[in-house]
């Protein structure tokens, strides 16, 4: 049983599929390009409501190039370079 759970843990640490890596790394590159956020306004049975969310990545604060963030992220997750260009 212990060997099975250890094997499952090691499998989770393996390379990520290229499709999933493209999604993850494009999100990280977008965050490196500038602050992200959303605003929500609504009315419900409890009356009006609002929400505000702002995100600032450490890559953005460090001034990292989004293309470099994308490339490094993809290589970390898959062990190979991306074959698709970054589209912000």
PDB file of N, CA and C in Angstrom:
ATOM      1  N   UNK A   1       0.820  -1.193   0.000  1.00  0.00           N
ATOM      2  CA  UNK A   1       0.000   0.000   0.000  1.00  0.00           C
ATOM      3  C   UNK A   1       0.865   1.258   0.000  1.00  0.00           C
ATOM      4  N   UNK A   2       1.907   1.273   0.822  1.00  0.00           N
ATOM      5  CA  UNK A   2       2.810   2.417   0.874  1.00  0.00           C
ATOM      6  C   UNK A   2       3.496   2.621  -0.471  1.00  0.00           C
ATOM      7  N   UNK A   3       3.899   1.524  -1.091  1.00  0.00           N
ATOM      8  CA  UNK A   3       4.560   1.613  -2.394  1.00  0.00           C
ATOM      9  C   UNK A   3       3.614   2.195  -3.439  1.00  0.00           C
ATOM     10  N   UNK A   4       2.346   1.843  -3.370  1.00  0.00           N
ATOM     11  CA  UNK A   4       1.367   2.372  -4.316  1.00  0.00           C
ATOM     12  C   UNK A   4       1.199   3.877  -4.149  1.00  0.00           C
ATOM     13  N   UNK A   5       1.090   4.352  -2.918  1.00  0.00           N
ATOM     14  CA  UNK A   5       0.920   5.789  -2.711  1.00  0.00           C
ATOM     15  C   UNK A   5       2.186   6.549  -3.088  1.00  0.00           C
ATOM     16  N   UNK A   6       3.358   5.949  -2.856  1.00  0.00           N
ATOM     17  CA  UNK A   6       4.608   6.573  -3.263  1.00  0.00           C
ATOM     18  C   UNK A   6       4.687   6.662  -4.782  1.00  0.00           C
ATOM     19  N   UNK A   7       4.283   5.616  -5.456  1.00  0.00           N
ATOM     20  CA  UNK A   7       4.276   5.601  -6.919  1.00  0.00           C
ATOM     21  C   UNK A   7       3.324   6.658  -7.466  1.00  0.00           C
ATOM     22  N   UNK A   8       2.154   6.797  -6.863  1.00  0.00           N
ATOM     23  CA  UNK A   8       1.187   7.809  -7.299  1.00  0.00           C
ATOM     24  C   UNK A   8       1.747   9.210  -7.084  1.00  0.00           C
ATOM     25  N   UNK A   9       2.445   9.421  -5.984  1.00  0.00           N
ATOM     26  CA  UNK A   9       3.056  10.727  -5.713  1.00  0.00           C
ATOM     27  C   UNK A   9       4.120  11.059  -6.745  1.00  0.00           C
ATOM     28  N   UNK A  10       4.939  10.085  -7.085  1.00  0.00           N
ATOM     29  CA  UNK A  10       5.980  10.319  -8.075  1.00  0.00           C
ATOM     30  C   UNK A  10       5.406  10.580  -9.457  1.00  0.00           C
ATOM     31  N   UNK A  11       4.322   9.915  -9.786  1.00  0.00           N
ATOM     32  CA  UNK A  11       3.686  10.127 -11.092  1.00  0.00           C
ATOM     33  C   UNK A  11       3.141  11.542 -11.193  1.00  0.00           C
ATOM     34  N   UNK A  12       2.662  12.088 -10.092  1.00  0.00           N
ATOM     35  CA  UNK A  12       2.122  13.451 -10.098  1.00  0.00           C
ATOM     36  C   UNK A  12       3.230  14.478 -10.328  1.00  0.00           C
ATOM     37  N   UNK A  13       4.459  14.132 -10.020  1.00  0.00           N
ATOM     38  CA  UNK A  13       5.579  15.050 -10.201  1.00  0.00           C
ATOM     39  C   UNK A  13       6.145  14.991 -11.614  1.00  0.00           C
ATOM     40  N   UNK A  14       5.654  14.106 -12.431  1.00  0.00           N
ATOM     41  CA  UNK A  14       6.174  13.939 -13.779  1.00  0.00           C
ATOM     42  C   UNK A  14       5.835  15.124 -14.658  1.00  0.00           C
ATOM     43  N   UNK A  15       6.274  15.073 -15.906  1.00  0.00           N
ATOM     44  CA  UNK A  15       6.022  16.165 -16.835  1.00  0.00           C
ATOM     45  C   UNK A  15       4.524  16.415 -17.042  1.00  0.00           C
ATOM     46  N   UNK A  16       4.191  17.660 -17.244  1.00  0.00           N
ATOM     47  CA  UNK A  16       2.822  18.070 -17.528  1.00  0.00           C
ATOM     48  C   UNK A  16       2.596  17.930 -19.029  1.00  0.00           C
ATOM     49  N   UNK A  17       1.355  17.648 -19.433  1.00  0.00           N
ATOM     50  CA  UNK A  17       1.067  17.554 -20.859  1.00  0.00           C
ATOM     51  C   UNK A  17       1.290  18.919 -21.511  1.00  0.00           C
ATOM     52  N   UNK A  18       1.727  18.934 -22.770  1.00  0.00           N
ATOM     53  CA  UNK A  18       1.948  20.214 -23.448  1.00  0.00           C
ATOM     54  C   UNK A  18       0.699  21.100 -23.468  1.00  0.00           C
ATOM     55  N   UNK A  19      -0.472  20.506 -23.670  1.00  0.00           N
ATOM     56  CA  UNK A  19      -1.700  21.308 -23.707  1.00  0.00           C
ATOM     57  C   UNK A  19      -1.928  22.046 -22.396  1.00  0.00           C
ATOM     58  N   UNK A  20      -1.773  21.327 -21.286  1.00  0.00           N
ATOM     59  CA  UNK A  20      -1.962  21.935 -19.966  1.00  0.00           C
ATOM     60  C   UNK A  20      -0.865  22.965 -19.684  1.00  0.00           C
ATOM     61  N   UNK A  21       0.356  22.661 -20.098  1.00  0.00           N
ATOM     62  CA  UNK A  21       1.470  23.591 -19.903  1.00  0.00           C
ATOM     63  C   UNK A  21       1.233  24.896 -20.661  1.00  0.00           C
ATOM     64  N   UNK A  22       0.687  24.815 -21.880  1.00  0.00           N
ATOM     65  CA  UNK A  22       0.389  26.035 -22.638  1.00  0.00           C
ATOM     66  C   UNK A  22      -0.599  26.915 -21.868  1.00  0.00           C
ATOM     67  N   UNK A  23      -1.616  26.318 -21.281  1.00  0.00           N
ATOM     68  CA  UNK A  23      -2.603  27.082 -20.514  1.00  0.00           C
ATOM     69  C   UNK A  23      -1.968  27.744 -19.298  1.00  0.00           C
ATOM     70  N   UNK A  24      -1.262  26.946 -18.509  1.00  0.00           N
ATOM     71  CA  UNK A  24      -0.648  27.444 -17.274  1.00  0.00           C
ATOM     72  C   UNK A  24       0.349  28.553 -17.582  1.00  0.00           C
ATOM     73  N   UNK A  25       1.204  28.319 -18.550  1.00  0.00           N
ATOM     74  CA  UNK A  25       2.288  29.260 -18.842  1.00  0.00           C
ATOM     75  C   UNK A  25       1.789  30.535 -19.521  1.00  0.00           C
ATOM     76  N   UNK A  26       0.759  30.424 -20.336  1.00  0.00           N
ATOM     77  CA  UNK A  26       0.174  31.627 -20.935  1.00  0.00           C
ATOM     78  C   UNK A  26      -0.451  32.495 -19.838  1.00  0.00           C
ATOM     79  N   UNK A  27      -1.093  31.882 -18.850  1.00  0.00           N
ATOM     80  CA  UNK A  27      -1.656  32.631 -17.724  1.00  0.00           C
ATOM     81  C   UNK A  27      -0.550  33.339 -16.949  1.00  0.00           C
ATOM     82  N   UNK A  28       0.535  32.640 -16.693  1.00  0.00           N
ATOM     83  CA  UNK A  28       1.662  33.262 -15.972  1.00  0.00           C
ATOM     84  C   UNK A  28       2.252  34.412 -16.771  1.00  0.00           C
ATOM     85  N   UNK A  29       2.370  34.251 -18.083  1.00  0.00           N
ATOM     86  CA  UNK A  29       2.919  35.313 -18.933  1.00  0.00           C
ATOM     87  C   UNK A  29       1.991  36.529 -18.946  1.00  0.00           C
ATOM     88  N   UNK A  30       0.672  36.296 -19.003  1.00  0.00           N
ATOM     89  CA  UNK A  30      -0.291  37.415 -18.948  1.00  0.00           C
ATOM     90  C   UNK A  30      -0.146  38.170 -17.629  1.00  0.00           C
ATOM     91  N   UNK A  31       0.029  37.434 -16.542  1.00  0.00           N
ATOM     92  CA  UNK A  31       0.196  38.069 -15.235  1.00  0.00           C
ATOM     93  C   UNK A  31       1.504  38.863 -15.178  1.00  0.00           C
ATOM     94  N   UNK A  32       2.540  38.395 -15.881  1.00  0.00           N
ATOM     95  CA  UNK A  32       3.813  39.111 -15.913  1.00  0.00           C
ATOM     96  C   UNK A  32       3.726  40.377 -16.755  1.00  0.00           C
ATOM     97  N   UNK A  33       2.758  40.436 -17.665  1.00  0.00           N
ATOM     98  CA  UNK A  33       2.606  41.590 -18.542  1.00  0.00           C
ATOM     99  C   UNK A  33       2.001  42.793 -17.822  1.00  0.00           C
ATOM    100  N   UNK A  34       1.277  42.562 -16.746  1.00  0.00           N
ATOM    101  CA  UNK A  34       0.674  43.671 -16.012  1.00  0.00           C
ATOM    102  C   UNK A  34      -0.332  43.178 -15.006  1.00  0.00           C
ATOM    103  N   UNK A  35      -0.810  44.089 -14.174  1.00  0.00           N
ATOM    104  CA  UNK A  35      -1.813  43.698 -13.175  1.00  0.00           C
ATOM    105  C   UNK A  35      -3.063  43.130 -13.844  1.00  0.00           C
ATOM    106  N   UNK A  36      -3.679  42.181 -13.176  1.00  0.00           N
ATOM    107  CA  UNK A  36      -4.921  41.583 -13.658  1.00  0.00           C
ATOM    108  C   UNK A  36      -6.018  41.889 -12.657  1.00  0.00           C
ATOM    109  N   UNK A  37      -7.247  41.773 -13.077  1.00  0.00           N
ATOM    110  CA  UNK A  37      -8.317  42.017 -12.122  1.00  0.00           C
ATOM    111  C   UNK A  37      -9.689  41.869 -12.722  1.00  0.00           C
ATOM    112  N   UNK A  38     -10.675  42.030 -11.841  1.00  0.00           N
ATOM    113  CA  UNK A  38     -12.063  41.967 -12.270  1.00  0.00           C
ATOM    114  C   UNK A  38     -12.907  42.802 -11.313  1.00  0.00           C
ATOM    115  N   UNK A  39     -14.027  43.280 -11.851  1.00  0.00           N
ATOM    116  CA  UNK A  39     -14.990  44.058 -11.074  1.00  0.00           C
ATOM    117  C   UNK A  39     -16.345  43.397 -11.270  1.00  0.00           C
ATOM    118  N   UNK A  40     -17.087  43.246 -10.196  1.00  0.00           N
ATOM    119  CA  UNK A  40     -18.416  42.652 -10.292  1.00  0.00           C
ATOM    120  C   UNK A  40     -19.448  43.529  -9.590  1.00  0.00           C
ATOM    121  N   UNK A  41     -20.587  43.684 -10.234  1.00  0.00           N
ATOM    122  CA  UNK A  41     -21.696  44.444  -9.667  1.00  0.00           C
ATOM    123  C   UNK A  41     -22.957  43.608  -9.867  1.00  0.00           C
ATOM    124  N   UNK A  42     -23.757  43.496  -8.847  1.00  0.00           N
ATOM    125  CA  UNK A  42     -24.972  42.705  -8.964  1.00  0.00           C
ATOM    126  C   UNK A  42     -26.024  43.126  -7.951  1.00  0.00           C
ATOM    127  N   UNK A  43     -27.219  42.631  -8.180  1.00  0.00           N
ATOM    128  CA  UNK A  43     -28.326  42.872  -7.263  1.00  0.00           C
ATOM    129  C   UNK A  43     -28.980  41.527  -6.989  1.00  0.00           C
ATOM    130  N   UNK A  44     -29.150  41.227  -5.714  1.00  0.00           N
ATOM    131  CA  UNK A  44     -29.768  39.975  -5.334  1.00  0.00           C
ATOM    132  C   UNK A  44     -30.824  40.210  -4.275  1.00  0.00           C
ATOM    133  N   UNK A  45     -31.305  39.162  -3.673  1.00  0.00           N
ATOM    134  CA  UNK A  45     -32.347  39.282  -2.658  1.00  0.00           C
ATOM    135  C   UNK A  45     -31.864  40.050  -1.421  1.00  0.00           C
ATOM    136  N   UNK A  46     -30.542  40.113  -1.217  1.00  0.00           N
ATOM    137  CA  UNK A  46     -29.983  40.872  -0.102  1.00  0.00           C
ATOM    138  C   UNK A  46     -29.634  42.301  -0.492  1.00  0.00           C
ATOM    139  N   UNK A  47     -29.982  42.720  -1.683  1.00  0.00           N
ATOM    140  CA  UNK A  47     -29.671  44.074  -2.144  1.00  0.00           C
ATOM    141  C   UNK A  47     -28.480  44.082  -3.076  1.00  0.00           C
ATOM    142  N   UNK A  48     -27.962  45.273  -3.356  1.00  0.00           N
ATOM    143  CA  UNK A  48     -26.834  45.380  -4.281  1.00  0.00           C
ATOM    144  C   UNK A  48     -25.547  44.826  -3.670  1.00  0.00           C
ATOM    145  N   UNK A  49     -24.676  44.317  -4.537  1.00  0.00           N
ATOM    146  CA  UNK A  49     -23.379  43.814  -4.087  1.00  0.00           C
ATOM    147  C   UNK A  49     -22.320  44.162  -5.125  1.00  0.00           C
ATOM    148  N   UNK A  50     -21.110  44.312  -4.654  1.00  0.00           N
ATOM    149  CA  UNK A  50     -19.989  44.609  -5.544  1.00  0.00           C
ATOM    150  C   UNK A  50     -18.796  43.764  -5.130  1.00  0.00           C
ATOM    151  N   UNK A  51     -17.892  43.570  -6.068  1.00  0.00           N
ATOM    152  CA  UNK A  51     -16.639  42.877  -5.760  1.00  0.00           C
ATOM    153  C   UNK A  51     -15.533  43.467  -6.625  1.00  0.00           C
ATOM    154  N   UNK A  52     -14.351  43.446  -6.086  1.00  0.00           N
ATOM    155  CA  UNK A  52     -13.176  43.946  -6.792  1.00  0.00           C
ATOM    156  C   UNK A  52     -12.021  43.004  -6.490  1.00  0.00           C
ATOM    157  N   UNK A  53     -11.336  42.589  -7.537  1.00  0.00           N
ATOM    158  CA  UNK A  53     -10.190  41.697  -7.370  1.00  0.00           C
ATOM    159  C   UNK A  53      -9.052  42.214  -8.229  1.00  0.00           C
ATOM    160  N   UNK A  54      -7.876  42.377  -7.622  1.00  0.00           N
ATOM    161  CA  UNK A  54      -6.694  42.833  -8.347  1.00  0.00           C
ATOM    162  C   UNK A  54      -5.556  41.865  -8.044  1.00  0.00           C
ATOM    163  N   UNK A  55      -4.849  41.453  -9.082  1.00  0.00           N
ATOM    164  CA  UNK A  55      -3.712  40.551  -8.913  1.00  0.00           C
ATOM    165  C   UNK A  55      -2.457  41.146  -9.527  1.00  0.00           C
ATOM    166  N   UNK A  56      -1.375  41.067  -8.790  1.00  0.00           N
ATOM    167  CA  UNK A  56      -0.081  41.525  -9.295  1.00  0.00           C
ATOM    168  C   UNK A  56       0.915  40.400  -9.041  1.00  0.00           C
ATOM    169  N   UNK A  57       1.515  39.896 -10.107  1.00  0.00           N
ATOM    170  CA  UNK A  57       2.444  38.767  -9.957  1.00  0.00           C
ATOM    171  C   UNK A  57       3.841  39.260  -9.590  1.00  0.00           C
ATOM    172  N   UNK A  58       4.602  38.385  -8.973  1.00  0.00           N
ATOM    173  CA  UNK A  58       5.989  38.723  -8.648  1.00  0.00           C
ATOM    174  C   UNK A  58       6.815  38.877  -9.923  1.00  0.00           C
ATOM    175  N   UNK A  59       6.442  38.166 -10.986  1.00  0.00           N
ATOM    176  CA  UNK A  59       7.143  38.328 -12.267  1.00  0.00           C
ATOM    177  C   UNK A  59       6.970  39.755 -12.782  1.00  0.00           C
ATOM    178  N   UNK A  60       5.770  40.308 -12.636  1.00  0.00           N
ATOM    179  CA  UNK A  60       5.512  41.690 -13.058  1.00  0.00           C
ATOM    180  C   UNK A  60       6.312  42.665 -12.198  1.00  0.00           C
ATOM    181  N   UNK A  61       6.306  42.446 -10.879  1.00  0.00           N
ATOM    182  CA  UNK A  61       7.030  43.335  -9.971  1.00  0.00           C
ATOM    183  C   UNK A  61       8.535  43.307 -10.243  1.00  0.00           C
ATOM    184  N   UNK A  62       9.052  42.166 -10.678  1.00  0.00           N
ATOM    185  CA  UNK A  62      10.479  42.041 -10.991  1.00  0.00           C
ATOM    186  C   UNK A  62      10.808  42.559 -12.385  1.00  0.00           C
ATOM    187  N   UNK A  63       9.807  42.894 -13.168  1.00  0.00           N
ATOM    188  CA  UNK A  63      10.020  43.405 -14.517  1.00  0.00           C
ATOM    189  C   UNK A  63      10.431  42.340 -15.516  1.00  0.00           C
ATOM    190  N   UNK A  64      10.035  41.086 -15.268  1.00  0.00           N
ATOM    191  CA  UNK A  64      10.411  39.996 -16.178  1.00  0.00           C
ATOM    192  C   UNK A  64       9.624  40.078 -17.478  1.00  0.00           C
ATOM    193  N   UNK A  65      10.279  39.744 -18.555  1.00  0.00           N
ATOM    194  CA  UNK A  65       9.664  39.711 -19.883  1.00  0.00           C
ATOM    195  C   UNK A  65       8.655  38.562 -19.927  1.00  0.00           C
ATOM    196  N   UNK A  66       7.393  38.840 -20.311  1.00  0.00           N
ATOM    197  CA  UNK A  66       6.381  37.774 -20.375  1.00  0.00           C
ATOM    198  C   UNK A  66       6.790  36.599 -21.265  1.00  0.00           C
ATOM    199  N   UNK A  67       7.517  36.868 -22.355  1.00  0.00           N
ATOM    200  CA  UNK A  67       7.966  35.777 -23.240  1.00  0.00           C
ATOM    201  C   UNK A  67       8.960  34.870 -22.523  1.00  0.00           C
ATOM    202  N   UNK A  68       9.839  35.449 -21.705  1.00  0.00           N
ATOM    203  CA  UNK A  68      10.789  34.640 -20.932  1.00  0.00           C
ATOM    204  C   UNK A  68      10.061  33.826 -19.864  1.00  0.00           C
ATOM    205  N   UNK A  69       9.069  34.442 -19.230  1.00  0.00           N
ATOM    206  CA  UNK A  69       8.272  33.730 -18.217  1.00  0.00           C
ATOM    207  C   UNK A  69       7.599  32.526 -18.862  1.00  0.00           C
ATOM    208  N   UNK A  70       7.005  32.737 -20.033  1.00  0.00           N
ATOM    209  CA  UNK A  70       6.323  31.665 -20.777  1.00  0.00           C
ATOM    210  C   UNK A  70       7.292  30.532 -21.119  1.00  0.00           C
ATOM    211  N   UNK A  71       8.441  30.885 -21.682  1.00  0.00           N
ATOM    212  CA  UNK A  71       9.415  29.876 -22.103  1.00  0.00           C
ATOM    213  C   UNK A  71       9.946  29.089 -20.900  1.00  0.00           C
ATOM    214  N   UNK A  72      10.347  29.787 -19.846  1.00  0.00           N
ATOM    215  CA  UNK A  72      10.872  29.104 -18.660  1.00  0.00           C
ATOM    216  C   UNK A  72       9.820  28.219 -18.003  1.00  0.00           C
ATOM    217  N   UNK A  73       8.613  28.705 -17.909  1.00  0.00           N
ATOM    218  CA  UNK A  73       7.513  27.941 -17.322  1.00  0.00           C
ATOM    219  C   UNK A  73       7.290  26.653 -18.111  1.00  0.00           C
ATOM    220  N   UNK A  74       7.225  26.769 -19.435  1.00  0.00           N
ATOM    221  CA  UNK A  74       6.959  25.607 -20.284  1.00  0.00           C
ATOM    222  C   UNK A  74       8.071  24.567 -20.147  1.00  0.00           C
ATOM    223  N   UNK A  75       9.306  25.029 -20.118  1.00  0.00           N
ATOM    224  CA  UNK A  75      10.444  24.108 -19.976  1.00  0.00           C
ATOM    225  C   UNK A  75      10.422  23.411 -18.619  1.00  0.00           C
ATOM    226  N   UNK A  76      10.037  24.149 -17.567  1.00  0.00           N
ATOM    227  CA  UNK A  76       9.946  23.542 -16.237  1.00  0.00           C
ATOM    228  C   UNK A  76       8.881  22.457 -16.192  1.00  0.00           C
ATOM    229  N   UNK A  77       7.742  22.716 -16.812  1.00  0.00           N
ATOM    230  CA  UNK A  77       6.622  21.780 -16.728  1.00  0.00           C
ATOM    231  C   UNK A  77       6.748  20.570 -17.640  1.00  0.00           C
ATOM    232  N   UNK A  78       7.379  20.746 -18.801  1.00  0.00           N
ATOM    233  CA  UNK A  78       7.413  19.655 -19.777  1.00  0.00           C
ATOM    234  C   UNK A  78       8.801  19.089 -20.033  1.00  0.00           C
ATOM    235  N   UNK A  79       9.832  19.853 -19.722  1.00  0.00           N
ATOM    236  CA  UNK A  79      11.188  19.410 -20.023  1.00  0.00           C
ATOM    237  C   UNK A  79      11.611  19.719 -21.445  1.00  0.00           C
ATOM    238  N   UNK A  80      10.778  20.439 -22.193  1.00  0.00           N
ATOM    239  CA  UNK A  80      11.097  20.808 -23.574  1.00  0.00           C
ATOM    240  C   UNK A  80      10.645  22.244 -23.815  1.00  0.00           C
ATOM    241  N   UNK A  81      11.116  22.823 -24.905  1.00  0.00           N
ATOM    242  CA  UNK A  81      10.714  24.185 -25.250  1.00  0.00           C
ATOM    243  C   UNK A  81       9.335  24.210 -25.890  1.00  0.00           C
ATOM    244  N   UNK A  82       8.642  25.345 -25.801  1.00  0.00           N
ATOM    245  CA  UNK A  82       7.316  25.452 -26.416  1.00  0.00           C
ATOM    246  C   UNK A  82       7.411  25.443 -27.938  1.00  0.00           C
ATOM    247  N   UNK A  83       6.415  24.881 -28.569  1.00  0.00           N
ATOM    248  CA  UNK A  83       6.346  24.868 -30.029  1.00  0.00           C
ATOM    249  C   UNK A  83       5.305  25.853 -30.539  1.00  0.00           C
ATOM    250  N   UNK A  84       4.586  26.482 -29.626  1.00  0.00           N
ATOM    251  CA  UNK A  84       3.608  27.514 -29.976  1.00  0.00           C
ATOM    252  C   UNK A  84       4.107  28.860 -29.479  1.00  0.00           C
ATOM    253  N   UNK A  85       3.894  29.904 -30.259  1.00  0.00           N
ATOM    254  CA  UNK A  85       4.289  31.226 -29.783  1.00  0.00           C
ATOM    255  C   UNK A  85       3.331  31.704 -28.679  1.00  0.00           C
ATOM    256  N   UNK A  86       3.824  32.594 -27.872  1.00  0.00           N
ATOM    257  CA  UNK A  86       3.000  33.194 -26.819  1.00  0.00           C
ATOM    258  C   UNK A  86       2.024  34.165 -27.448  1.00  0.00           C
ATOM    259  N   UNK A  87       0.750  33.993 -27.163  1.00  0.00           N
ATOM    260  CA  UNK A  87      -0.275  34.927 -27.627  1.00  0.00           C
ATOM    261  C   UNK A  87      -0.929  35.556 -26.404  1.00  0.00           C
ATOM    262  N   UNK A  88      -0.671  36.824 -26.192  1.00  0.00           N
ATOM    263  CA  UNK A  88      -1.279  37.508 -25.059  1.00  0.00           C
ATOM    264  C   UNK A  88      -2.568  38.047 -25.508  1.00  0.00           C
TER     265      UNK A  88
END
